[in-house]
Amino acid sequence: MVFNYAIKESFRQPLNVILIFLLPVAVLFIPGSEYGFPQGISLVGMVILYSGYLLSRPVAEDRMKGISVRIEASPISRISYLSSHLAAYFLILMIQSLIFIIGTLVLHGEATFGQLSIFSLYLSFALMTLAFTLAWTSFFRNFNLSFGLFSGIGSVMCLVSGISVPIRVLPERLIPFIRVLPTYWLPYGLDAVFEGERNGFLIAHTVLLIYAGIFLLIGSRRRN
């Protein structure tokens, strides 16, 4: 019941529909590069980041308004409530990523390869994103304020971590510092797929999932 409700609520917001299904199509038209995958394949990470944040709004607002406390007194357990919402949002992000992967095959053809590996990286990044937004919003009592700050910080994170611009154009002295950013590991993993480095691909997955676990522990703590 909670899962179905979360799915329906997600599509009642026109902005969600535009961001989740239309914006990735626009990103597809970003041209390719001889030094790596088309930049759109990395840039879609920003779309996933903001999509996950907007999708998580109902959970964040329930907690900010104290509704989550009342839910604990209902037949629905807190774990069931939270996991059902996150599963619904993860399914939506999975569909978004699948649409993008199909689009890359149609528009870029041989310029892309390893679509299953790329898709799996998107899923790990989506899971990290949902956990990150859950943790982020747990420190705020107003969603608009949290979104305003997240928009600025999220843009900077994407810019300096290789999502908005290729990692290869970033200053070498900056790399050791940006490795602590969770957003860095999506473009790192994509570069590993392009260069055929299996170890780098697995490292990217592992780090993204570790971050997801850490953020989930922080974000799932009870906050009245």
N, C-alpha and C. Protein backbone atom coordinates (compact mmCIF):
# COMPACT_ATOMS: atom_id res chain seq x y z
N MET A 1 0.81 -1.19 0.00
CA MET A 1 0.00 0.00 0.00
C MET A 1 0.86 1.27 0.00
N VAL A 2 1.83 1.33 0.90
CA VAL A 2 2.71 2.49 1.00
C VAL A 2 3.52 2.64 -0.29
N PHE A 3 4.00 1.54 -0.83
CA PHE A 3 4.78 1.55 -2.06
C PHE A 3 3.95 2.15 -3.21
N ASN A 4 2.73 1.67 -3.37
CA ASN A 4 1.86 2.17 -4.45
C ASN A 4 1.53 3.64 -4.25
N TYR A 5 1.30 4.03 -3.00
CA TYR A 5 1.00 5.43 -2.69
C TYR A 5 2.18 6.33 -3.06
N ALA A 6 3.39 5.88 -2.73
CA ALA A 6 4.58 6.67 -3.03
C ALA A 6 4.77 6.83 -4.54
N ILE A 7 4.47 5.78 -5.31
CA ILE A 7 4.57 5.86 -6.77
C ILE A 7 3.59 6.89 -7.31
N LYS A 8 2.35 6.82 -6.86
CA LYS A 8 1.32 7.74 -7.35
C LYS A 8 1.64 9.18 -6.98
N GLU A 9 2.09 9.40 -5.75
CA GLU A 9 2.41 10.75 -5.31
C GLU A 9 3.56 11.35 -6.13
N SER A 10 4.48 10.51 -6.53
CA SER A 10 5.65 11.00 -7.27
C SER A 10 5.26 11.59 -8.62
N PHE A 11 4.20 11.05 -9.23
CA PHE A 11 3.81 11.50 -10.56
C PHE A 11 2.73 12.57 -10.54
N ARG A 12 2.33 13.00 -9.35
CA ARG A 12 1.37 14.10 -9.26
C ARG A 12 2.03 15.45 -9.38
N GLN A 13 3.35 15.48 -9.26
CA GLN A 13 4.11 16.72 -9.38
C GLN A 13 4.65 16.86 -10.80
N PRO A 14 4.18 17.87 -11.57
CA PRO A 14 4.64 18.04 -12.96
C PRO A 14 6.16 18.18 -13.06
N LEU A 15 6.77 18.87 -12.07
CA LEU A 15 8.22 19.05 -12.11
C LEU A 15 8.94 17.71 -12.05
N ASN A 16 8.42 16.78 -11.28
CA ASN A 16 9.03 15.45 -11.19
C ASN A 16 9.00 14.75 -12.54
N VAL A 17 7.87 14.84 -13.23
CA VAL A 17 7.73 14.18 -14.53
C VAL A 17 8.72 14.77 -15.53
N ILE A 18 8.83 16.11 -15.53
CA ILE A 18 9.75 16.78 -16.46
C ILE A 18 11.20 16.39 -16.17
N LEU A 19 11.57 16.45 -14.90
CA LEU A 19 12.95 16.17 -14.52
C LEU A 19 13.32 14.71 -14.73
N ILE A 20 12.39 13.82 -14.46
CA ILE A 20 12.69 12.39 -14.50
C ILE A 20 12.68 11.84 -15.91
N PHE A 21 11.76 12.31 -16.75
CA PHE A 21 11.60 11.69 -18.06
C PHE A 21 11.98 12.57 -19.25
N LEU A 22 11.87 13.88 -19.12
CA LEU A 22 12.15 14.75 -20.26
C LEU A 22 13.58 15.27 -20.27
N LEU A 23 14.09 15.68 -19.10
CA LEU A 23 15.44 16.22 -19.05
C LEU A 23 16.52 15.23 -19.49
N PRO A 24 16.43 13.95 -19.09
CA PRO A 24 17.44 12.99 -19.58
C PRO A 24 17.47 12.88 -21.09
N VAL A 25 16.32 13.07 -21.74
CA VAL A 25 16.28 13.01 -23.21
C VAL A 25 17.08 14.17 -23.79
N ALA A 26 16.96 15.35 -23.17
CA ALA A 26 17.73 16.51 -23.65
C ALA A 26 19.23 16.28 -23.45
N VAL A 27 19.60 15.67 -22.34
CA VAL A 27 21.01 15.40 -22.05
C VAL A 27 21.61 14.45 -23.09
N LEU A 28 20.79 13.60 -23.66
CA LEU A 28 21.26 12.64 -24.65
C LEU A 28 21.92 13.30 -25.85
N PHE A 29 21.50 14.51 -26.17
CA PHE A 29 21.98 15.17 -27.39
C PHE A 29 23.33 15.86 -27.21
N ILE A 30 23.90 15.80 -26.01
CA ILE A 30 25.24 16.34 -25.82
C ILE A 30 26.22 15.49 -26.61
N PRO A 31 27.07 16.09 -27.45
CA PRO A 31 27.92 15.31 -28.37
C PRO A 31 28.95 14.44 -27.67
N GLY A 32 29.47 13.50 -28.43
CA GLY A 32 30.45 12.56 -27.91
C GLY A 32 31.85 13.15 -27.86
N SER A 33 32.80 12.32 -27.44
CA SER A 33 34.19 12.75 -27.32
C SER A 33 35.10 11.58 -27.65
N GLU A 34 36.22 11.89 -28.27
CA GLU A 34 37.16 10.82 -28.62
C GLU A 34 37.94 10.33 -27.42
N TYR A 35 37.87 11.06 -26.30
CA TYR A 35 38.63 10.70 -25.10
C TYR A 35 37.79 9.97 -24.07
N GLY A 36 36.54 9.73 -24.36
CA GLY A 36 35.68 9.06 -23.41
C GLY A 36 34.27 8.97 -23.94
N PHE A 37 33.36 8.54 -23.10
CA PHE A 37 31.96 8.48 -23.49
C PHE A 37 31.43 9.89 -23.74
N PRO A 38 30.31 10.01 -24.48
CA PRO A 38 29.66 11.32 -24.60
C PRO A 38 29.42 11.92 -23.22
N GLN A 39 29.62 13.23 -23.06
CA GLN A 39 29.55 13.86 -21.76
C GLN A 39 28.17 13.70 -21.11
N GLY A 40 27.15 13.52 -21.93
CA GLY A 40 25.81 13.32 -21.38
C GLY A 40 25.70 12.09 -20.50
N ILE A 41 26.53 11.07 -20.76
CA ILE A 41 26.49 9.85 -19.96
C ILE A 41 26.94 10.13 -18.53
N SER A 42 27.84 11.06 -18.36
CA SER A 42 28.24 11.47 -17.02
C SER A 42 27.30 12.52 -16.45
N LEU A 43 26.87 13.46 -17.30
CA LEU A 43 26.03 14.56 -16.85
C LEU A 43 24.67 14.09 -16.34
N VAL A 44 24.22 12.94 -16.80
CA VAL A 44 22.94 12.43 -16.31
C VAL A 44 23.00 12.15 -14.81
N GLY A 45 24.22 12.04 -14.27
CA GLY A 45 24.35 11.89 -12.82
C GLY A 45 23.75 13.07 -12.07
N MET A 46 23.86 14.27 -12.64
CA MET A 46 23.25 15.44 -12.01
C MET A 46 21.73 15.33 -12.04
N VAL A 47 21.21 14.81 -13.14
CA VAL A 47 19.76 14.61 -13.26
C VAL A 47 19.28 13.62 -12.21
N ILE A 48 20.03 12.54 -12.03
CA ILE A 48 19.67 11.55 -11.02
C ILE A 48 19.73 12.17 -9.63
N LEU A 49 20.74 12.99 -9.38
CA LEU A 49 20.92 13.61 -8.07
C LEU A 49 19.72 14.47 -7.69
N TYR A 50 19.30 15.34 -8.61
CA TYR A 50 18.18 16.23 -8.31
C TYR A 50 16.84 15.50 -8.38
N SER A 51 16.74 14.50 -9.24
CA SER A 51 15.51 13.70 -9.28
C SER A 51 15.29 12.99 -7.96
N GLY A 52 16.36 12.38 -7.45
CA GLY A 52 16.26 11.68 -6.17
C GLY A 52 15.87 12.62 -5.04
N TYR A 53 16.39 13.84 -5.09
CA TYR A 53 16.07 14.80 -4.03
C TYR A 53 14.59 15.19 -4.07
N LEU A 54 14.09 15.49 -5.26
CA LEU A 54 12.69 15.89 -5.38
C LEU A 54 11.74 14.73 -5.06
N LEU A 55 12.13 13.52 -5.43
CA LEU A 55 11.29 12.37 -5.14
C LEU A 55 11.16 12.14 -3.64
N SER A 56 12.22 12.44 -2.92
CA SER A 56 12.23 12.18 -1.47
C SER A 56 11.48 13.24 -0.68
N ARG A 57 10.91 14.22 -1.34
CA ARG A 57 10.23 15.32 -0.64
C ARG A 57 9.12 14.85 0.30
N PRO A 58 8.23 13.92 -0.10
CA PRO A 58 7.17 13.49 0.83
C PRO A 58 7.70 12.93 2.15
N VAL A 59 8.75 12.12 2.08
CA VAL A 59 9.34 11.56 3.31
C VAL A 59 9.93 12.67 4.16
N ALA A 60 10.64 13.60 3.51
CA ALA A 60 11.26 14.70 4.25
C ALA A 60 10.21 15.57 4.92
N GLU A 61 9.13 15.89 4.20
CA GLU A 61 8.09 16.75 4.77
C GLU A 61 7.32 16.04 5.87
N ASP A 62 7.09 14.74 5.73
CA ASP A 62 6.43 13.99 6.80
C ASP A 62 7.24 14.07 8.09
N ARG A 63 8.55 13.97 7.95
CA ARG A 63 9.41 14.03 9.14
C ARG A 63 9.44 15.45 9.70
N MET A 64 9.51 16.45 8.82
CA MET A 64 9.58 17.83 9.28
C MET A 64 8.29 18.27 9.97
N LYS A 65 7.15 17.70 9.54
CA LYS A 65 5.86 18.07 10.12
C LYS A 65 5.47 17.19 11.30
N GLY A 66 6.32 16.22 11.62
CA GLY A 66 6.04 15.34 12.74
C GLY A 66 5.08 14.21 12.41
N ILE A 67 4.74 14.06 11.12
CA ILE A 67 3.82 13.00 10.71
C ILE A 67 4.45 11.63 10.89
N SER A 68 5.76 11.55 10.71
CA SER A 68 6.45 10.27 10.86
C SER A 68 6.32 9.73 12.27
N VAL A 69 6.17 10.62 13.26
CA VAL A 69 5.99 10.17 14.64
C VAL A 69 4.63 9.49 14.79
N ARG A 70 3.60 10.08 14.14
CA ARG A 70 2.27 9.49 14.21
C ARG A 70 2.20 8.15 13.48
N ILE A 71 3.01 8.04 12.43
CA ILE A 71 3.03 6.78 11.67
C ILE A 71 3.48 5.62 12.55
N GLU A 72 4.39 5.91 13.48
CA GLU A 72 4.90 4.86 14.36
C GLU A 72 3.81 4.30 15.27
N ALA A 73 2.74 5.07 15.47
CA ALA A 73 1.63 4.60 16.31
C ALA A 73 0.58 3.85 15.48
N SER A 74 0.79 3.79 14.16
CA SER A 74 -0.15 3.09 13.27
C SER A 74 0.31 1.65 13.05
N PRO A 75 -0.53 0.84 12.37
CA PRO A 75 -0.13 -0.55 12.09
C PRO A 75 1.09 -0.67 11.17
N ILE A 76 1.43 0.42 10.49
CA ILE A 76 2.59 0.41 9.59
C ILE A 76 3.85 0.73 10.39
N SER A 77 4.81 -0.14 10.34
CA SER A 77 6.05 0.10 11.08
C SER A 77 6.87 1.19 10.39
N ARG A 78 7.71 1.83 11.16
CA ARG A 78 8.56 2.90 10.62
C ARG A 78 9.49 2.37 9.54
N ILE A 79 10.02 1.18 9.76
CA ILE A 79 10.93 0.58 8.77
C ILE A 79 10.19 0.28 7.48
N SER A 80 8.96 -0.23 7.59
CA SER A 80 8.16 -0.54 6.41
C SER A 80 7.82 0.73 5.64
N TYR A 81 7.47 1.77 6.38
CA TYR A 81 7.12 3.06 5.76
C TYR A 81 8.31 3.61 4.99
N LEU A 82 9.46 3.64 5.62
CA LEU A 82 10.65 4.22 4.99
C LEU A 82 11.15 3.36 3.83
N SER A 83 11.22 2.06 4.03
CA SER A 83 11.73 1.18 2.98
C SER A 83 10.80 1.15 1.77
N SER A 84 9.50 1.24 1.99
CA SER A 84 8.54 1.24 0.87
C SER A 84 8.70 2.49 0.03
N HIS A 85 8.87 3.64 0.69
CA HIS A 85 9.08 4.88 -0.06
C HIS A 85 10.39 4.84 -0.84
N LEU A 86 11.45 4.42 -0.20
CA LEU A 86 12.74 4.38 -0.87
C LEU A 86 12.73 3.39 -2.03
N ALA A 87 12.04 2.27 -1.87
CA ALA A 87 11.94 1.28 -2.95
C ALA A 87 11.17 1.86 -4.14
N ALA A 88 10.13 2.63 -3.86
CA ALA A 88 9.35 3.26 -4.93
C ALA A 88 10.20 4.27 -5.68
N TYR A 89 10.93 5.09 -4.95
CA TYR A 89 11.77 6.11 -5.60
C TYR A 89 12.91 5.46 -6.38
N PHE A 90 13.46 4.38 -5.83
CA PHE A 90 14.54 3.68 -6.52
C PHE A 90 14.03 3.08 -7.84
N LEU A 91 12.81 2.55 -7.83
CA LEU A 91 12.22 1.99 -9.06
C LEU A 91 12.07 3.08 -10.12
N ILE A 92 11.63 4.26 -9.70
CA ILE A 92 11.46 5.36 -10.65
C ILE A 92 12.81 5.78 -11.24
N LEU A 93 13.83 5.87 -10.40
CA LEU A 93 15.16 6.23 -10.89
C LEU A 93 15.73 5.13 -11.79
N MET A 94 15.37 3.90 -11.51
CA MET A 94 15.80 2.79 -12.36
C MET A 94 15.19 2.92 -13.75
N ILE A 95 13.91 3.27 -13.81
CA ILE A 95 13.25 3.46 -15.10
C ILE A 95 13.87 4.63 -15.84
N GLN A 96 14.17 5.70 -15.11
CA GLN A 96 14.81 6.87 -15.71
C GLN A 96 16.15 6.48 -16.33
N SER A 97 16.95 5.73 -15.61
CA SER A 97 18.26 5.31 -16.10
C SER A 97 18.12 4.39 -17.31
N LEU A 98 17.13 3.52 -17.28
CA LEU A 98 16.92 2.60 -18.41
C LEU A 98 16.53 3.36 -19.67
N ILE A 99 15.67 4.38 -19.52
CA ILE A 99 15.30 5.21 -20.66
C ILE A 99 16.53 5.88 -21.26
N PHE A 100 17.39 6.37 -20.39
CA PHE A 100 18.61 7.04 -20.86
C PHE A 100 19.53 6.07 -21.58
N ILE A 101 19.68 4.87 -21.03
CA ILE A 101 20.56 3.88 -21.66
C ILE A 101 20.04 3.50 -23.04
N ILE A 102 18.74 3.31 -23.17
CA ILE A 102 18.15 2.99 -24.48
C ILE A 102 18.38 4.15 -25.45
N GLY A 103 18.25 5.38 -24.93
CA GLY A 103 18.47 6.55 -25.76
C GLY A 103 19.89 6.64 -26.28
N THR A 104 20.86 6.28 -25.45
CA THR A 104 22.26 6.33 -25.90
C THR A 104 22.51 5.33 -27.04
N LEU A 105 21.85 4.21 -26.98
CA LEU A 105 22.00 3.22 -28.05
C LEU A 105 21.44 3.75 -29.37
N VAL A 106 20.32 4.48 -29.27
CA VAL A 106 19.67 5.00 -30.47
C VAL A 106 20.46 6.16 -31.06
N LEU A 107 20.93 7.09 -30.23
CA LEU A 107 21.56 8.31 -30.72
C LEU A 107 23.07 8.19 -30.94
N HIS A 108 23.74 7.45 -30.08
CA HIS A 108 25.20 7.41 -30.13
C HIS A 108 25.76 6.10 -30.69
N GLY A 109 24.95 5.07 -30.70
CA GLY A 109 25.36 3.82 -31.32
C GLY A 109 26.68 3.29 -30.81
N GLU A 110 27.67 3.19 -31.71
CA GLU A 110 28.95 2.60 -31.37
C GLU A 110 29.82 3.48 -30.47
N ALA A 111 29.41 4.73 -30.28
CA ALA A 111 30.17 5.63 -29.40
C ALA A 111 30.04 5.20 -27.94
N THR A 112 29.08 4.35 -27.66
CA THR A 112 28.91 3.84 -26.29
C THR A 112 28.98 2.31 -26.31
N PHE A 113 29.41 1.77 -25.21
CA PHE A 113 29.47 0.32 -25.04
C PHE A 113 29.42 0.03 -23.55
N GLY A 114 29.28 -1.24 -23.20
CA GLY A 114 29.19 -1.60 -21.79
C GLY A 114 27.96 -1.02 -21.11
N GLN A 115 26.82 -1.04 -21.85
CA GLN A 115 25.62 -0.42 -21.32
C GLN A 115 25.15 -1.03 -20.00
N LEU A 116 25.31 -2.33 -19.84
CA LEU A 116 24.91 -2.96 -18.59
C LEU A 116 25.75 -2.47 -17.42
N SER A 117 27.05 -2.29 -17.66
CA SER A 117 27.93 -1.77 -16.62
C SER A 117 27.57 -0.33 -16.27
N ILE A 118 27.28 0.47 -17.29
CA ILE A 118 26.88 1.86 -17.05
C ILE A 118 25.56 1.91 -16.28
N PHE A 119 24.63 1.07 -16.69
CA PHE A 119 23.32 1.02 -16.02
C PHE A 119 23.50 0.64 -14.54
N SER A 120 24.36 -0.31 -14.27
CA SER A 120 24.57 -0.72 -12.88
C SER A 120 25.20 0.41 -12.06
N LEU A 121 26.07 1.20 -12.67
CA LEU A 121 26.65 2.35 -11.98
C LEU A 121 25.58 3.39 -11.67
N TYR A 122 24.68 3.59 -12.61
CA TYR A 122 23.56 4.52 -12.37
C TYR A 122 22.72 4.05 -11.18
N LEU A 123 22.50 2.76 -11.07
CA LEU A 123 21.68 2.23 -9.98
C LEU A 123 22.37 2.44 -8.63
N SER A 124 23.67 2.17 -8.58
CA SER A 124 24.41 2.40 -7.33
C SER A 124 24.42 3.88 -6.98
N PHE A 125 24.57 4.72 -7.99
CA PHE A 125 24.57 6.17 -7.76
C PHE A 125 23.18 6.63 -7.30
N ALA A 126 22.13 6.05 -7.88
CA ALA A 126 20.77 6.40 -7.48
C ALA A 126 20.51 6.01 -6.02
N LEU A 127 20.99 4.84 -5.63
CA LEU A 127 20.83 4.40 -4.25
C LEU A 127 21.57 5.32 -3.30
N MET A 128 22.80 5.71 -3.67
CA MET A 128 23.56 6.64 -2.86
C MET A 128 22.84 7.99 -2.76
N THR A 129 22.26 8.43 -3.88
CA THR A 129 21.54 9.71 -3.92
C THR A 129 20.36 9.72 -2.97
N LEU A 130 19.55 8.66 -3.00
CA LEU A 130 18.38 8.60 -2.11
C LEU A 130 18.81 8.59 -0.65
N ALA A 131 19.86 7.85 -0.34
CA ALA A 131 20.35 7.81 1.04
C ALA A 131 20.93 9.17 1.44
N PHE A 132 21.62 9.81 0.51
CA PHE A 132 22.21 11.12 0.79
C PHE A 132 21.14 12.18 1.05
N THR A 133 20.09 12.19 0.23
CA THR A 133 19.02 13.16 0.43
C THR A 133 18.27 12.90 1.73
N LEU A 134 18.13 11.63 2.08
CA LEU A 134 17.49 11.29 3.35
C LEU A 134 18.29 11.83 4.52
N ALA A 135 19.61 11.68 4.43
CA ALA A 135 20.48 12.19 5.49
C ALA A 135 20.49 13.72 5.49
N TRP A 136 20.56 14.32 4.31
CA TRP A 136 20.62 15.78 4.21
C TRP A 136 19.37 16.43 4.82
N THR A 137 18.20 15.97 4.43
CA THR A 137 16.96 16.59 4.89
C THR A 137 16.71 16.35 6.37
N SER A 138 17.39 15.37 6.97
CA SER A 138 17.18 15.09 8.39
C SER A 138 17.72 16.22 9.28
N PHE A 139 18.52 17.12 8.70
CA PHE A 139 19.08 18.21 9.47
C PHE A 139 18.29 19.52 9.32
N PHE A 140 17.16 19.44 8.60
CA PHE A 140 16.38 20.65 8.36
C PHE A 140 14.93 20.47 8.82
N ARG A 141 14.28 21.58 9.11
CA ARG A 141 12.86 21.58 9.47
C ARG A 141 12.02 22.28 8.41
N ASN A 142 12.68 22.71 7.33
CA ASN A 142 11.98 23.36 6.23
C ASN A 142 12.54 22.81 4.92
N PHE A 143 11.66 22.24 4.09
CA PHE A 143 12.13 21.59 2.87
C PHE A 143 12.68 22.60 1.87
N ASN A 144 12.02 23.75 1.74
CA ASN A 144 12.48 24.74 0.76
C ASN A 144 13.89 25.24 1.10
N LEU A 145 14.16 25.42 2.38
CA LEU A 145 15.51 25.83 2.79
C LEU A 145 16.52 24.75 2.47
N SER A 146 16.18 23.51 2.78
CA SER A 146 17.10 22.40 2.51
C SER A 146 17.35 22.25 1.01
N PHE A 147 16.29 22.45 0.20
CA PHE A 147 16.45 22.33 -1.25
C PHE A 147 17.29 23.46 -1.81
N GLY A 148 17.09 24.68 -1.27
CA GLY A 148 17.87 25.81 -1.74
C GLY A 148 19.36 25.60 -1.51
N LEU A 149 19.72 25.14 -0.32
CA LEU A 149 21.12 24.88 -0.01
C LEU A 149 21.64 23.69 -0.81
N PHE A 150 20.81 22.67 -0.95
CA PHE A 150 21.22 21.48 -1.69
C PHE A 150 21.48 21.81 -3.16
N SER A 151 20.66 22.69 -3.73
CA SER A 151 20.83 23.05 -5.14
C SER A 151 22.21 23.64 -5.38
N GLY A 152 22.63 24.55 -4.49
CA GLY A 152 23.94 25.17 -4.65
C GLY A 152 25.07 24.20 -4.40
N ILE A 153 25.00 23.47 -3.30
CA ILE A 153 26.07 22.54 -2.94
C ILE A 153 26.14 21.38 -3.93
N GLY A 154 24.95 20.89 -4.34
CA GLY A 154 24.92 19.79 -5.31
C GLY A 154 25.55 20.18 -6.63
N SER A 155 25.30 21.42 -7.07
CA SER A 155 25.90 21.89 -8.33
C SER A 155 27.41 21.97 -8.24
N VAL A 156 27.89 22.45 -7.11
CA VAL A 156 29.34 22.54 -6.90
C VAL A 156 29.96 21.15 -6.86
N MET A 157 29.30 20.23 -6.15
CA MET A 157 29.80 18.86 -6.06
C MET A 157 29.91 18.22 -7.44
N CYS A 158 28.88 18.44 -8.27
CA CYS A 158 28.90 17.87 -9.63
C CYS A 158 29.97 18.52 -10.49
N LEU A 159 30.20 19.82 -10.27
CA LEU A 159 31.18 20.55 -11.07
C LEU A 159 32.60 20.08 -10.78
N VAL A 160 32.93 19.95 -9.50
CA VAL A 160 34.32 19.65 -9.14
C VAL A 160 34.61 18.15 -9.08
N SER A 161 33.58 17.31 -9.19
CA SER A 161 33.82 15.87 -9.07
C SER A 161 33.83 15.13 -10.40
N GLY A 162 33.64 15.86 -11.51
CA GLY A 162 33.74 15.21 -12.81
C GLY A 162 32.43 14.87 -13.47
N ILE A 163 31.30 15.25 -12.87
CA ILE A 163 30.01 14.97 -13.49
C ILE A 163 29.68 16.02 -14.54
N SER A 164 29.83 17.29 -14.18
CA SER A 164 29.52 18.38 -15.11
C SER A 164 30.60 18.57 -16.16
N VAL A 165 31.84 18.37 -15.76
CA VAL A 165 32.97 18.47 -16.70
C VAL A 165 33.80 17.20 -16.54
N PRO A 166 34.48 16.75 -17.59
CA PRO A 166 35.27 15.52 -17.49
C PRO A 166 36.36 15.59 -16.43
N ILE A 167 36.62 14.47 -15.78
CA ILE A 167 37.66 14.41 -14.76
C ILE A 167 39.02 14.81 -15.33
N ARG A 168 39.26 14.47 -16.58
CA ARG A 168 40.59 14.71 -17.18
C ARG A 168 40.93 16.19 -17.30
N VAL A 169 39.93 17.08 -17.27
CA VAL A 169 40.22 18.51 -17.40
C VAL A 169 40.37 19.17 -16.03
N LEU A 170 40.12 18.42 -14.96
CA LEU A 170 40.28 18.97 -13.62
C LEU A 170 41.77 19.01 -13.24
N PRO A 171 42.18 19.99 -12.47
CA PRO A 171 43.60 20.06 -12.05
C PRO A 171 43.99 18.81 -11.25
N GLU A 172 45.16 18.30 -11.52
CA GLU A 172 45.63 17.08 -10.86
C GLU A 172 45.70 17.25 -9.34
N ARG A 173 46.09 18.43 -8.89
CA ARG A 173 46.21 18.65 -7.45
C ARG A 173 44.86 18.65 -6.74
N LEU A 174 43.78 18.75 -7.52
CA LEU A 174 42.45 18.77 -6.93
C LEU A 174 41.91 17.36 -6.70
N ILE A 175 42.40 16.39 -7.46
CA ILE A 175 41.86 15.03 -7.42
C ILE A 175 41.88 14.40 -6.03
N PRO A 176 42.99 14.48 -5.28
CA PRO A 176 42.99 13.84 -3.95
C PRO A 176 41.90 14.38 -3.02
N PHE A 177 41.49 15.64 -3.20
CA PHE A 177 40.48 16.24 -2.33
C PHE A 177 39.06 15.86 -2.75
N ILE A 178 38.83 15.77 -4.06
CA ILE A 178 37.47 15.49 -4.52
C ILE A 178 37.12 14.01 -4.42
N ARG A 179 38.11 13.17 -4.14
CA ARG A 179 37.82 11.74 -3.98
C ARG A 179 36.93 11.45 -2.78
N VAL A 180 36.86 12.40 -1.85
CA VAL A 180 36.00 12.19 -0.67
C VAL A 180 34.54 12.48 -1.01
N LEU A 181 34.27 13.08 -2.16
CA LEU A 181 32.90 13.39 -2.55
C LEU A 181 32.24 12.14 -3.14
N PRO A 182 31.04 11.81 -2.72
CA PRO A 182 30.37 10.63 -3.27
C PRO A 182 30.08 10.76 -4.76
N THR A 183 29.88 11.99 -5.23
CA THR A 183 29.58 12.20 -6.65
C THR A 183 30.77 11.89 -7.55
N TYR A 184 31.97 11.90 -6.99
CA TYR A 184 33.18 11.64 -7.80
C TYR A 184 33.18 10.23 -8.37
N TRP A 185 32.55 9.29 -7.68
CA TRP A 185 32.73 7.89 -8.03
C TRP A 185 31.86 7.42 -9.18
N LEU A 186 30.90 8.22 -9.59
CA LEU A 186 30.17 7.88 -10.82
C LEU A 186 31.04 8.13 -12.05
N PRO A 187 31.57 9.34 -12.26
CA PRO A 187 32.45 9.54 -13.43
C PRO A 187 33.71 8.68 -13.36
N TYR A 188 34.20 8.42 -12.15
CA TYR A 188 35.36 7.53 -12.01
C TYR A 188 35.02 6.14 -12.54
N GLY A 189 33.85 5.64 -12.17
CA GLY A 189 33.43 4.33 -12.65
C GLY A 189 33.18 4.31 -14.15
N LEU A 190 32.61 5.39 -14.68
CA LEU A 190 32.36 5.47 -16.12
C LEU A 190 33.66 5.48 -16.90
N ASP A 191 34.65 6.21 -16.40
CA ASP A 191 35.97 6.19 -17.05
C ASP A 191 36.58 4.80 -17.01
N ALA A 192 36.36 4.09 -15.90
CA ALA A 192 36.90 2.73 -15.78
C ALA A 192 36.24 1.80 -16.80
N VAL A 193 34.95 1.98 -17.02
CA VAL A 193 34.25 1.18 -18.04
C VAL A 193 34.81 1.48 -19.42
N PHE A 194 35.02 2.76 -19.72
CA PHE A 194 35.52 3.16 -21.04
C PHE A 194 36.92 2.59 -21.28
N GLU A 195 37.74 2.59 -20.24
CA GLU A 195 39.13 2.12 -20.39
C GLU A 195 39.28 0.63 -20.13
N GLY A 196 38.19 -0.05 -19.81
CA GLY A 196 38.24 -1.48 -19.57
C GLY A 196 38.92 -1.88 -18.28
N GLU A 197 38.90 -1.01 -17.29
CA GLU A 197 39.53 -1.30 -16.00
C GLU A 197 38.49 -1.88 -15.05
N ARG A 198 38.46 -3.18 -14.93
CA ARG A 198 37.45 -3.86 -14.10
C ARG A 198 37.61 -3.49 -12.62
N ASN A 199 38.85 -3.40 -12.16
CA ASN A 199 39.07 -3.07 -10.75
C ASN A 199 38.52 -1.68 -10.41
N GLY A 200 38.75 -0.71 -11.30
CA GLY A 200 38.23 0.63 -11.07
C GLY A 200 36.71 0.64 -11.05
N PHE A 201 36.12 -0.16 -11.93
CA PHE A 201 34.66 -0.28 -11.99
C PHE A 201 34.11 -0.84 -10.67
N LEU A 202 34.74 -1.87 -10.14
CA LEU A 202 34.29 -2.49 -8.89
C LEU A 202 34.52 -1.55 -7.70
N ILE A 203 35.64 -0.82 -7.73
CA ILE A 203 35.92 0.13 -6.66
C ILE A 203 34.84 1.21 -6.62
N ALA A 204 34.44 1.71 -7.79
CA ALA A 204 33.40 2.74 -7.86
C ALA A 204 32.09 2.24 -7.25
N HIS A 205 31.71 1.02 -7.62
CA HIS A 205 30.50 0.42 -7.05
C HIS A 205 30.60 0.31 -5.53
N THR A 206 31.72 -0.20 -5.07
CA THR A 206 31.90 -0.42 -3.63
C THR A 206 31.81 0.87 -2.85
N VAL A 207 32.49 1.91 -3.33
CA VAL A 207 32.49 3.19 -2.61
C VAL A 207 31.10 3.80 -2.60
N LEU A 208 30.40 3.74 -3.73
CA LEU A 208 29.04 4.29 -3.79
C LEU A 208 28.11 3.57 -2.81
N LEU A 209 28.23 2.26 -2.72
CA LEU A 209 27.38 1.50 -1.80
C LEU A 209 27.75 1.75 -0.34
N ILE A 210 29.04 1.95 -0.08
CA ILE A 210 29.46 2.28 1.29
C ILE A 210 28.88 3.63 1.70
N TYR A 211 28.98 4.60 0.80
CA TYR A 211 28.38 5.91 1.08
C TYR A 211 26.88 5.78 1.30
N ALA A 212 26.22 4.96 0.48
CA ALA A 212 24.77 4.76 0.63
C ALA A 212 24.45 4.22 2.01
N GLY A 213 25.23 3.25 2.47
CA GLY A 213 25.01 2.68 3.80
C GLY A 213 25.21 3.70 4.91
N ILE A 214 26.26 4.51 4.79
CA ILE A 214 26.54 5.53 5.80
C ILE A 214 25.42 6.57 5.85
N PHE A 215 25.01 7.06 4.69
CA PHE A 215 23.96 8.07 4.64
C PHE A 215 22.62 7.51 5.12
N LEU A 216 22.38 6.25 4.81
CA LEU A 216 21.12 5.63 5.24
C LEU A 216 21.07 5.53 6.77
N LEU A 217 22.17 5.19 7.37
CA LEU A 217 22.22 5.12 8.83
C LEU A 217 21.98 6.50 9.46
N ILE A 218 22.56 7.52 8.85
CA ILE A 218 22.38 8.87 9.37
C ILE A 218 20.94 9.34 9.16
N GLY A 219 20.43 9.14 7.95
CA GLY A 219 19.12 9.66 7.60
C GLY A 219 17.95 8.92 8.23
N SER A 220 18.15 7.67 8.61
CA SER A 220 17.04 6.89 9.17
C SER A 220 16.91 7.06 10.66
N ARG A 221 17.81 7.83 11.26
CA ARG A 221 17.69 8.07 12.70
C ARG A 221 16.42 8.86 12.99
N ARG A 222 15.82 8.59 14.12
CA ARG A 222 14.56 9.25 14.49
C ARG A 222 14.83 10.71 14.79
N ARG A 223 14.09 11.58 14.12
CA ARG A 223 14.19 13.02 14.40
C ARG A 223 12.77 13.56 14.50
N ASN A 224 12.38 14.01 15.67
CA ASN A 224 11.02 14.48 15.91
C ASN A 224 10.89 15.97 15.53
